[in-house]
């Protein structure tokens, strides 16, 4: 049976409003030229959220707190960023403007809440919570409140990610004795298992922008590598092949590239590659750890 510790290691890095209207923009609309990558780094002595241009330039710090802030996700319109932080003694979900201002806490539960992921319409946020004894996938309003549990398993369900059209949710679960990738409708019905391997499959999941493929991490070849598959679980293809640990894939908005985290050069850094695994290049180069979080959709 898969252990709680292995679930956490696989998925993480250790680590009220009106729902009928769209979120209010705090600044001008984000253009394609302004698309940026969010990432987590310990370069300033603590895990914080940063952003940078898609070529690795103009790296700027967005959060500053003695608690750990990480696993950030962009709102679809690029105006806001959700992240998890333990700044009040336990992990909660927070949201801020894209420049780090306007911080707001969204969850208030004395259990682990983390790994936020925005719905394509920007009105909801998926997250993982330990509030019901096991990790489960929840959804809430992007303004906070209206929290609902989407999964119910004796084993851990983690890391939910919405499909680009908002009709499906992919997540990782240990419900069959091993961490695997599952798919369900956005209302929690029609559960389907996509992977079936004795090694762990899952962790951070990433839908391709066209909704046809899912990128995930797996140990099926004896090392943590990045794979991609069709949304029905077929055509599983290995994209990375390195002795280092490769994980946390994130698609570019045009679907042509994936960013990921790797320690292949002796330290966790952020890399980018073509969608077929070719053309790998490094975006960060720091003695501290750098983890990819999200690519502005």
Protein backbone atom coordinates (compact mmCIF):
# COMPACT_ATOMS: atom_id res chain seq x y z
CA UNK A 1 0.00 0.00 0.00
CA UNK A 2 1.28 3.44 -0.82
CA UNK A 3 2.41 5.42 2.23
CA UNK A 4 1.33 8.91 3.25
CA UNK A 5 4.97 10.02 3.05
CA UNK A 6 5.36 8.77 -0.53
CA UNK A 7 2.20 10.63 -1.54
CA UNK A 8 3.53 13.89 -0.13
CA UNK A 9 6.94 13.43 -1.70
CA UNK A 10 5.40 12.65 -5.07
CA UNK A 11 3.02 15.60 -5.22
CA UNK A 12 4.79 18.35 -3.33
CA UNK A 13 8.16 19.93 -2.78
CA UNK A 14 8.96 19.48 0.90
CA UNK A 15 7.20 20.27 1.11
CA UNK A 16 -16.61 35.08 -0.17
CA UNK A 17 -17.54 36.76 -3.29
CA UNK A 18 -20.04 36.63 -6.10
CA UNK A 19 -19.38 33.54 -8.23
CA UNK A 20 -21.63 34.73 -11.03
CA UNK A 21 -19.19 37.40 -12.15
CA UNK A 22 -15.61 37.18 -13.35
CA UNK A 23 -12.78 38.19 -10.97
CA UNK A 24 -11.98 41.90 -11.06
CA UNK A 25 -8.68 42.75 -12.72
CA UNK A 26 -6.28 44.76 -10.59
CA UNK A 27 -4.41 46.09 -13.61
CA UNK A 28 -4.38 46.15 -17.40
CA UNK A 29 -4.99 42.90 -19.32
CA UNK A 30 -1.94 40.70 -19.72
CA UNK A 31 -0.65 40.47 -23.29
CA UNK A 32 1.30 37.59 -24.78
CA UNK A 33 4.53 39.56 -24.38
CA UNK A 34 3.89 39.78 -20.63
CA UNK A 35 3.54 36.03 -20.08
CA UNK A 36 5.77 34.92 -17.26
CA UNK A 37 6.71 31.85 -15.27
CA UNK A 38 6.19 31.58 -11.52
CA UNK A 39 8.63 29.53 -9.50
CA UNK A 40 9.63 28.78 -5.91
CA UNK A 41 13.12 29.43 -4.63
CA UNK A 42 15.06 29.37 -1.35
CA UNK A 43 17.64 31.84 -2.70
CA UNK A 44 16.72 34.46 -0.08
CA UNK A 45 16.88 31.99 2.81
CA UNK A 46 13.27 30.80 2.74
CA UNK A 47 10.86 29.27 0.24
CA UNK A 48 9.21 32.18 -1.59
CA UNK A 49 7.30 32.72 -4.85
CA UNK A 50 9.11 34.43 -7.72
CA UNK A 51 8.34 35.22 -11.35
CA UNK A 52 10.50 35.58 -14.44
CA UNK A 53 10.29 36.03 -18.18
CA UNK A 54 9.94 32.85 -20.22
CA UNK A 55 13.65 33.06 -21.17
CA UNK A 56 14.74 33.19 -17.51
CA UNK A 57 15.42 36.93 -17.37
CA UNK A 58 13.95 39.55 -15.03
CA UNK A 59 13.59 37.30 -11.99
CA UNK A 60 11.63 39.04 -9.24
CA UNK A 61 10.47 38.02 -5.76
CA UNK A 62 6.70 38.21 -5.16
CA UNK A 63 6.30 36.99 -1.55
CA UNK A 64 8.28 37.77 1.59
CA UNK A 65 7.41 35.95 4.80
CA UNK A 66 9.12 33.82 7.46
CA UNK A 67 6.70 31.03 6.53
CA UNK A 68 7.19 28.97 3.38
CA UNK A 69 5.27 30.11 0.28
CA UNK A 70 5.26 27.89 -2.83
CA UNK A 71 3.29 25.98 -5.50
CA UNK A 72 1.88 29.06 -7.22
CA UNK A 73 -0.68 28.97 -10.04
CA UNK A 74 -1.75 31.77 -12.40
CA UNK A 75 -5.37 32.82 -12.83
CA UNK A 76 -6.47 32.36 -16.46
CA UNK A 77 -6.50 36.10 -17.14
CA UNK A 78 -3.00 36.51 -15.66
CA UNK A 79 -4.10 39.09 -13.11
CA UNK A 80 -3.72 36.99 -9.96
CA UNK A 81 -1.63 34.18 -8.50
CA UNK A 82 -2.77 31.55 -6.00
CA UNK A 83 -0.24 29.77 -3.80
CA UNK A 84 0.11 27.73 -0.61
CA UNK A 85 1.83 29.08 2.48
CA UNK A 86 2.33 28.07 6.12
CA UNK A 87 2.55 31.66 7.32
CA UNK A 88 -0.18 31.18 9.97
CA UNK A 89 1.19 27.91 11.36
CA UNK A 90 -0.39 25.47 8.92
CA UNK A 91 -0.66 25.41 5.14
CA UNK A 92 -3.45 27.52 3.65
CA UNK A 93 -4.32 28.84 0.19
CA UNK A 94 -3.60 32.50 -0.56
CA UNK A 95 -4.11 34.71 -3.58
CA UNK A 96 -2.30 37.88 -4.65
CA UNK A 97 -2.06 40.21 -7.62
CA UNK A 98 0.52 39.30 -10.25
CA UNK A 99 2.99 41.81 -8.78
CA UNK A 100 2.70 40.40 -5.24
CA UNK A 101 0.32 43.05 -3.88
CA UNK A 102 -3.24 42.58 -2.64
CA UNK A 103 -2.62 39.43 -0.59
CA UNK A 104 -5.74 37.58 0.59
CA UNK A 105 -6.08 34.33 2.54
CA UNK A 106 -8.73 32.00 1.07
CA UNK A 107 -8.79 28.94 3.37
CA UNK A 108 -8.98 28.90 7.17
CA UNK A 109 -8.69 25.32 8.33
CA UNK A 110 -6.29 23.80 10.86
CA UNK A 111 -5.29 21.12 8.38
CA UNK A 112 -3.02 21.07 5.38
CA UNK A 113 -4.55 22.96 2.40
CA UNK A 114 -2.35 23.24 -0.66
CA UNK A 115 -1.59 22.82 -4.36
CA UNK A 116 -4.13 25.31 -5.80
CA UNK A 117 -5.21 25.17 -9.45
CA UNK A 118 -7.53 27.70 -11.10
CA UNK A 119 -10.52 26.67 -13.17
CA UNK A 120 -10.38 27.83 -16.82
CA UNK A 121 -13.13 30.42 -16.22
CA UNK A 122 -11.28 31.85 -13.21
CA UNK A 123 -14.23 31.39 -10.86
CA UNK A 124 -13.02 28.37 -8.84
CA UNK A 125 -9.83 26.92 -7.40
CA UNK A 126 -9.06 23.23 -6.93
CA UNK A 127 -6.91 22.34 -3.96
CA UNK A 128 -5.77 19.39 -1.85
CA UNK A 129 -6.69 19.20 1.84
CA UNK A 130 -5.98 16.87 4.76
CA UNK A 131 -9.02 18.13 6.72
CA UNK A 132 -10.91 14.82 6.47
CA UNK A 133 -8.13 12.53 7.76
CA UNK A 134 -6.91 11.66 4.25
CA UNK A 135 -5.77 13.96 1.47
CA UNK A 136 -8.74 14.73 -0.78
CA UNK A 137 -9.40 17.03 -3.73
CA UNK A 138 -11.60 20.04 -3.00
CA UNK A 139 -12.97 22.97 -4.96
CA UNK A 140 -13.84 26.46 -3.70
CA UNK A 141 -14.77 29.87 -5.00
CA UNK A 142 -11.82 31.85 -6.33
CA UNK A 143 -12.89 34.52 -3.83
CA UNK A 144 -12.86 32.04 -0.92
CA UNK A 145 -15.74 30.07 0.58
CA UNK A 146 -18.12 27.48 -0.90
CA UNK A 147 -15.61 24.68 -0.22
CA UNK A 148 -16.70 21.27 -1.51
CA UNK A 149 -14.99 17.90 -1.43
CA UNK A 150 -14.65 16.30 -4.88
CA UNK A 151 -13.17 12.92 -3.92
CA UNK A 152 -13.84 10.49 -1.09
CA UNK A 153 -11.32 7.70 -0.66
CA UNK A 154 -9.74 5.88 2.28
CA UNK A 155 -6.46 6.61 0.56
CA UNK A 156 -4.97 9.90 -0.56
CA UNK A 157 -6.23 11.91 -3.54
CA UNK A 158 -3.98 14.84 -4.43
CA UNK A 159 -3.04 17.42 -7.00
CA UNK A 160 -6.21 18.12 -8.95
CA UNK A 161 -5.89 19.87 -12.33
CA UNK A 162 -8.75 21.09 -14.51
CA UNK A 163 -8.91 20.30 -18.21
CA UNK A 164 -8.67 23.41 -20.43
CA UNK A 165 -12.41 23.26 -21.18
CA UNK A 166 -13.31 22.87 -17.50
CA UNK A 167 -15.26 19.62 -17.96
CA UNK A 168 -12.71 17.18 -16.46
CA UNK A 169 -10.38 16.98 -13.47
CA UNK A 170 -7.21 14.89 -13.41
CA UNK A 171 -5.64 13.95 -10.08
CA UNK A 172 -3.27 11.49 -8.44
CA UNK A 173 -4.48 8.85 -6.00
CA UNK A 174 -3.20 5.92 -3.97
CA UNK A 175 -6.67 4.33 -3.78
CA UNK A 176 -5.57 1.20 -5.64
CA UNK A 177 -2.48 0.66 -3.51
CA UNK A 178 -0.08 2.72 -5.61
CA UNK A 179 0.04 6.31 -6.79
CA UNK A 180 -1.69 6.51 -10.19
CA UNK A 181 -3.35 9.13 -12.41
CA UNK A 182 -7.15 9.31 -12.50
CA UNK A 183 -9.72 11.33 -14.41
CA UNK A 184 -13.24 12.39 -13.41
CA UNK A 185 -15.91 14.79 -14.55
CA UNK A 186 -15.81 18.26 -13.03
CA UNK A 187 -18.68 17.28 -10.71
CA UNK A 188 -16.78 14.24 -9.38
CA UNK A 189 -18.64 11.59 -11.40
CA UNK A 190 -17.37 9.03 -13.93
CA UNK A 191 -14.05 8.17 -12.30
CA UNK A 192 -11.53 6.55 -14.67
CA UNK A 193 -8.02 5.28 -13.91
CA UNK A 194 -5.53 6.38 -16.60
CA UNK A 195 -2.27 4.74 -15.51
CA UNK A 196 -1.57 1.25 -14.19
CA UNK A 197 2.01 0.58 -13.19
CA UNK A 198 3.77 -0.84 -10.14
CA UNK A 199 5.85 2.33 -9.89
CA UNK A 200 4.44 5.69 -8.85
CA UNK A 201 2.71 7.72 -11.56
CA UNK A 202 1.38 11.18 -10.89
CA UNK A 203 2.62 14.02 -8.76
CA UNK A 204 2.02 17.40 -10.37
CA UNK A 205 -0.18 16.92 -13.44
CA UNK A 206 -0.33 19.29 -16.42
CA UNK A 207 -2.90 19.36 -19.23
CA UNK A 208 -1.73 20.41 -22.68
CA UNK A 209 -3.48 23.65 -23.72
CA UNK A 210 -5.43 21.83 -26.45
CA UNK A 211 -6.75 19.34 -23.87
CA UNK A 212 -5.49 16.23 -25.66
CA UNK A 213 -2.57 15.21 -23.42
CA UNK A 214 -1.52 15.08 -19.77
CA UNK A 215 2.09 15.40 -18.59
CA UNK A 216 3.06 13.66 -15.35
CA UNK A 217 5.99 12.34 -13.37
CA UNK A 218 6.79 8.66 -13.00
CA UNK A 219 9.35 6.29 -11.50
CA UNK A 220 8.43 3.49 -13.93
CA UNK A 221 11.90 3.42 -15.47
CA UNK A 222 13.66 3.43 -12.11
CA UNK A 223 14.11 7.18 -11.85
CA UNK A 224 11.86 10.23 -11.66
CA UNK A 225 11.21 11.25 -15.27
CA UNK A 226 8.57 13.23 -17.15
CA UNK A 227 6.04 11.46 -19.36
CA UNK A 228 3.08 12.46 -21.46
CA UNK A 229 -0.04 10.49 -22.42
CA UNK A 230 -3.32 10.92 -24.21
CA UNK A 231 -6.26 11.81 -21.96
CA UNK A 232 -7.55 8.24 -22.23
CA UNK A 233 -4.26 6.90 -20.83
CA UNK A 234 -2.90 5.63 -24.15
CA UNK A 235 0.36 6.45 -25.91
CA UNK A 236 2.47 6.97 -22.78
CA UNK A 237 5.73 8.55 -23.91
CA UNK A 238 8.85 9.32 -21.90
CA UNK A 239 10.15 12.85 -22.50
CA UNK A 240 13.20 13.06 -20.22
CA UNK A 241 16.01 10.55 -19.81
CA UNK A 242 18.53 11.68 -17.24
CA UNK A 243 20.15 10.30 -14.11
CA UNK A 244 18.89 13.35 -12.22
CA UNK A 245 15.39 13.78 -10.81
CA UNK A 246 13.04 15.38 -13.36
CA UNK A 247 9.58 16.46 -12.15
CA UNK A 248 6.81 19.08 -12.05
CA UNK A 249 6.03 19.51 -15.79
CA UNK A 250 4.23 22.68 -16.89
CA UNK A 251 3.05 23.38 -20.45
CA UNK A 252 3.69 26.62 -22.29
CA UNK A 253 0.47 28.44 -23.31
CA UNK A 254 1.01 27.48 -26.98
CA UNK A 255 1.62 23.80 -26.17
CA UNK A 256 5.00 23.78 -27.90
CA UNK A 257 7.18 23.48 -24.79
CA UNK A 258 7.24 22.20 -21.22
CA UNK A 259 9.08 23.68 -18.26
CA UNK A 260 10.17 21.34 -15.47
CA UNK A 261 12.39 20.99 -12.42
CA UNK A 262 15.57 18.89 -12.43
CA UNK A 263 18.65 18.36 -10.30
CA UNK A 264 20.61 16.98 -13.26
CA UNK A 265 23.32 19.61 -12.78
CA UNK A 266 23.67 18.94 -9.05
CA UNK A 267 21.00 21.33 -7.79
CA UNK A 268 17.28 21.80 -8.37
CA UNK A 269 16.88 24.24 -11.25
CA UNK A 270 14.22 25.07 -13.84
CA UNK A 271 14.55 23.81 -17.39
CA UNK A 272 12.49 24.04 -20.56
CA UNK A 273 12.21 21.58 -23.45
CA UNK A 274 10.23 21.10 -26.61
CA UNK A 275 6.99 19.12 -26.30
CA UNK A 276 8.76 16.04 -27.73
CA UNK A 277 11.55 16.20 -25.12
CA UNK A 278 14.19 17.74 -27.38
CA UNK A 279 15.96 21.08 -27.03
CA UNK A 280 16.47 21.10 -23.25
CA UNK A 281 17.82 24.37 -21.84
CA UNK A 282 18.24 25.69 -18.30
CA UNK A 283 16.40 28.85 -17.17
CA UNK A 284 17.75 29.30 -13.62
CA UNK A 285 21.24 28.96 -12.20
CA UNK A 286 21.40 29.51 -8.47
CA UNK A 287 23.02 27.69 -5.56
CA UNK A 288 19.62 27.55 -3.84
CA UNK A 289 16.77 25.30 -4.96
CA UNK A 290 14.47 26.54 -7.72
CA UNK A 291 11.18 24.73 -8.48
CA UNK A 292 8.87 25.44 -11.40
CA UNK A 293 5.34 26.42 -10.36
CA UNK A 294 3.30 27.69 -13.31
CA UNK A 295 3.44 29.14 -16.81
CA UNK A 296 1.00 31.99 -17.35
CA UNK A 297 -1.78 30.33 -19.41
